[in-house]
Amino acid sequence: MLGRLNHVAIAVPDLEAGCRVYKSMLGATVSEPQAEPDHGVTVVFVELPNTKVELLEPLGENSPIQAFLDKSPAGGIHHVCYEVDDIIAARDHLKQEGARVLGDGEPKTGAHGKPVLFLHPKDFCGTLVELEQA
């Protein structure tokens, strides 16, 4: 069912500072900031040869990323995103296996313009998992 690792997402309190770390210290290519109001975040993607790192900054007071940063003010790994061929089939299989899909269980459009779902971290070794249709 799982395809490739699409990205690892890191919550940051200051997106500009996070971008500087990856650009200046690591010499990485970083995308322009992209507001995602439906998800309450502003994101950038650090392009790597085999995957991406997504930096997430809260967008608005009700951002789920702000709640994460309230617990971890310096930021940290927020989730991992795996690709799947058919997000509905993956969702149905996971629910049948007892996994909890967050939200209303219906895919939403993610930062790449593709359908995404999030899975409860308690069902996946303490890690929030995002599935993205490839």
Protein backbone atom coordinates (compact mmCIF):
# COMPACT_ATOMS: atom_id res chain seq x y z
CA MET A 1 0.00 0.00 0.00
CA LEU A 2 2.70 2.53 0.92
CA GLY A 3 4.60 4.26 -1.82
CA ARG A 4 7.59 6.49 -1.37
CA LEU A 5 8.23 8.92 1.45
CA ASN A 6 6.89 12.22 0.13
CA HIS A 7 8.14 14.50 2.91
CA VAL A 8 8.95 14.97 6.56
CA ALA A 9 7.21 18.01 8.04
CA ILE A 10 8.87 20.19 10.66
CA ALA A 11 6.89 22.77 12.62
CA VAL A 12 8.81 26.03 13.06
CA PRO A 13 7.99 29.15 15.06
CA ASP A 14 9.61 31.39 12.40
CA LEU A 15 9.42 30.25 8.77
CA GLU A 16 11.92 32.84 7.53
CA ALA A 17 14.50 31.73 10.09
CA GLY A 18 13.87 28.08 9.20
CA CYS A 19 14.40 28.84 5.52
CA ARG A 20 17.70 30.58 6.32
CA VAL A 21 18.95 27.47 8.14
CA TYR A 22 18.29 25.25 5.14
CA LYS A 23 19.46 27.76 2.51
CA SER A 24 22.55 29.20 4.21
CA MET A 25 23.79 26.45 6.48
CA LEU A 26 22.83 23.44 4.35
CA GLY A 27 22.87 24.97 0.85
CA ALA A 28 19.39 23.65 0.04
CA THR A 29 16.86 24.85 -2.50
CA VAL A 30 13.78 26.13 -0.70
CA SER A 31 10.45 26.96 -2.35
CA GLU A 32 8.59 30.21 -1.90
CA PRO A 33 6.19 30.34 1.07
CA GLN A 34 2.70 29.08 0.30
CA ALA A 35 -0.28 29.89 2.53
CA GLU A 36 -2.63 26.95 3.09
CA PRO A 37 -5.59 28.50 4.93
CA ASP A 38 -7.62 25.26 4.86
CA HIS A 39 -4.88 23.64 6.94
CA GLY A 40 -3.95 26.69 9.03
CA VAL A 41 -0.31 26.77 7.89
CA THR A 42 2.18 28.52 5.68
CA VAL A 43 4.60 26.03 4.12
CA VAL A 44 7.84 25.86 2.20
CA PHE A 45 9.43 22.77 0.73
CA VAL A 46 13.13 21.99 0.95
CA GLU A 47 13.96 19.99 -2.16
CA LEU A 48 16.21 16.97 -1.69
CA PRO A 49 17.32 14.42 -4.31
CA ASN A 50 15.09 11.68 -2.89
CA THR A 51 12.32 13.51 -0.97
CA LYS A 52 11.36 16.85 0.59
CA VAL A 53 11.34 18.51 3.98
CA GLU A 54 8.27 20.65 4.63
CA LEU A 55 8.62 23.55 7.05
CA LEU A 56 5.29 24.55 8.64
CA GLU A 57 4.49 27.86 10.32
CA PRO A 58 1.14 28.60 11.97
CA LEU A 59 -1.31 30.63 9.89
CA GLY A 60 -3.94 32.20 12.11
CA GLU A 61 -4.80 31.76 15.75
CA ASN A 62 -6.58 28.42 15.29
CA SER A 63 -3.70 26.70 13.53
CA PRO A 64 -3.05 23.14 14.70
CA ILE A 65 0.64 23.94 14.31
CA GLN A 66 0.35 26.61 17.00
CA ALA A 67 -0.87 23.99 19.45
CA PHE A 68 2.17 21.87 18.55
CA LEU A 69 4.51 24.85 19.06
CA ASP A 70 2.87 25.68 22.40
CA LYS A 71 4.11 22.27 23.59
CA SER A 72 7.45 22.44 21.71
CA PRO A 73 8.31 26.15 21.31
CA ALA A 74 11.54 25.48 19.36
CA GLY A 75 9.61 23.38 16.83
CA GLY A 76 10.25 19.83 15.74
CA ILE A 77 9.12 16.99 13.53
CA HIS A 78 5.36 17.24 13.12
CA HIS A 79 4.50 14.41 10.70
CA VAL A 80 5.69 12.12 7.92
CA CYS A 81 3.90 11.89 4.60
CA TYR A 82 3.71 8.71 2.55
CA GLU A 83 2.35 8.38 -0.96
CA VAL A 84 -0.43 5.94 -1.81
CA ASP A 85 -1.87 5.07 -5.22
CA ASP A 86 -5.51 5.25 -4.12
CA ILE A 87 -6.23 7.32 -1.02
CA ILE A 88 -9.82 6.08 -0.66
CA ALA A 89 -8.77 2.42 -0.85
CA ALA A 90 -5.95 3.12 1.63
CA ARG A 91 -8.36 4.90 4.01
CA ASP A 92 -10.89 2.10 3.85
CA HIS A 93 -8.24 -0.56 4.46
CA LEU A 94 -6.74 1.34 7.39
CA LYS A 95 -10.14 1.92 9.00
CA GLN A 96 -10.90 -1.79 8.60
CA GLU A 97 -7.62 -2.50 10.42
CA GLY A 98 -8.65 -0.19 13.27
CA ALA A 99 -6.70 2.95 12.39
CA ARG A 100 -8.27 6.32 13.14
CA VAL A 101 -8.51 8.85 10.33
CA LEU A 102 -8.49 12.41 11.64
CA GLY A 103 -11.08 15.03 10.78
CA ASP A 104 -14.21 13.94 8.95
CA GLY A 105 -12.39 11.07 7.23
CA GLU A 106 -12.67 12.64 3.79
CA PRO A 107 -9.55 13.66 1.86
CA LYS A 108 -8.72 17.35 1.65
CA THR A 109 -6.49 19.05 -0.90
CA GLY A 110 -2.93 19.33 0.39
CA ALA A 111 -0.08 21.72 -0.40
CA HIS A 112 0.80 19.77 -3.56
CA GLY A 113 -2.76 20.07 -4.86
CA LYS A 114 -3.42 16.37 -4.24
CA PRO A 115 -5.82 14.59 -1.85
CA VAL A 116 -4.45 14.02 1.66
CA LEU A 117 -5.58 12.39 4.91
CA PHE A 118 -4.04 12.36 8.38
CA LEU A 119 -3.91 9.32 10.66
CA HIS A 120 -3.92 9.37 14.46
CA PRO A 121 -0.40 9.24 15.94
CA LYS A 122 -1.44 6.76 18.64
CA ASP A 123 -2.07 4.22 15.89
CA PHE A 124 1.37 4.70 14.28
CA CYS A 125 4.05 4.46 16.94
CA GLY A 126 3.44 8.00 18.19
CA THR A 127 3.84 9.61 14.77
CA LEU A 128 1.25 11.69 12.95
CA VAL A 129 1.01 10.20 9.45
CA GLU A 130 -0.17 12.00 6.34
CA LEU A 131 -1.18 10.02 3.26
CA GLU A 132 -1.04 11.73 -0.12
CA GLN A 133 -2.44 10.31 -3.30
CA ALA A 134 0.42 9.93 -5.78
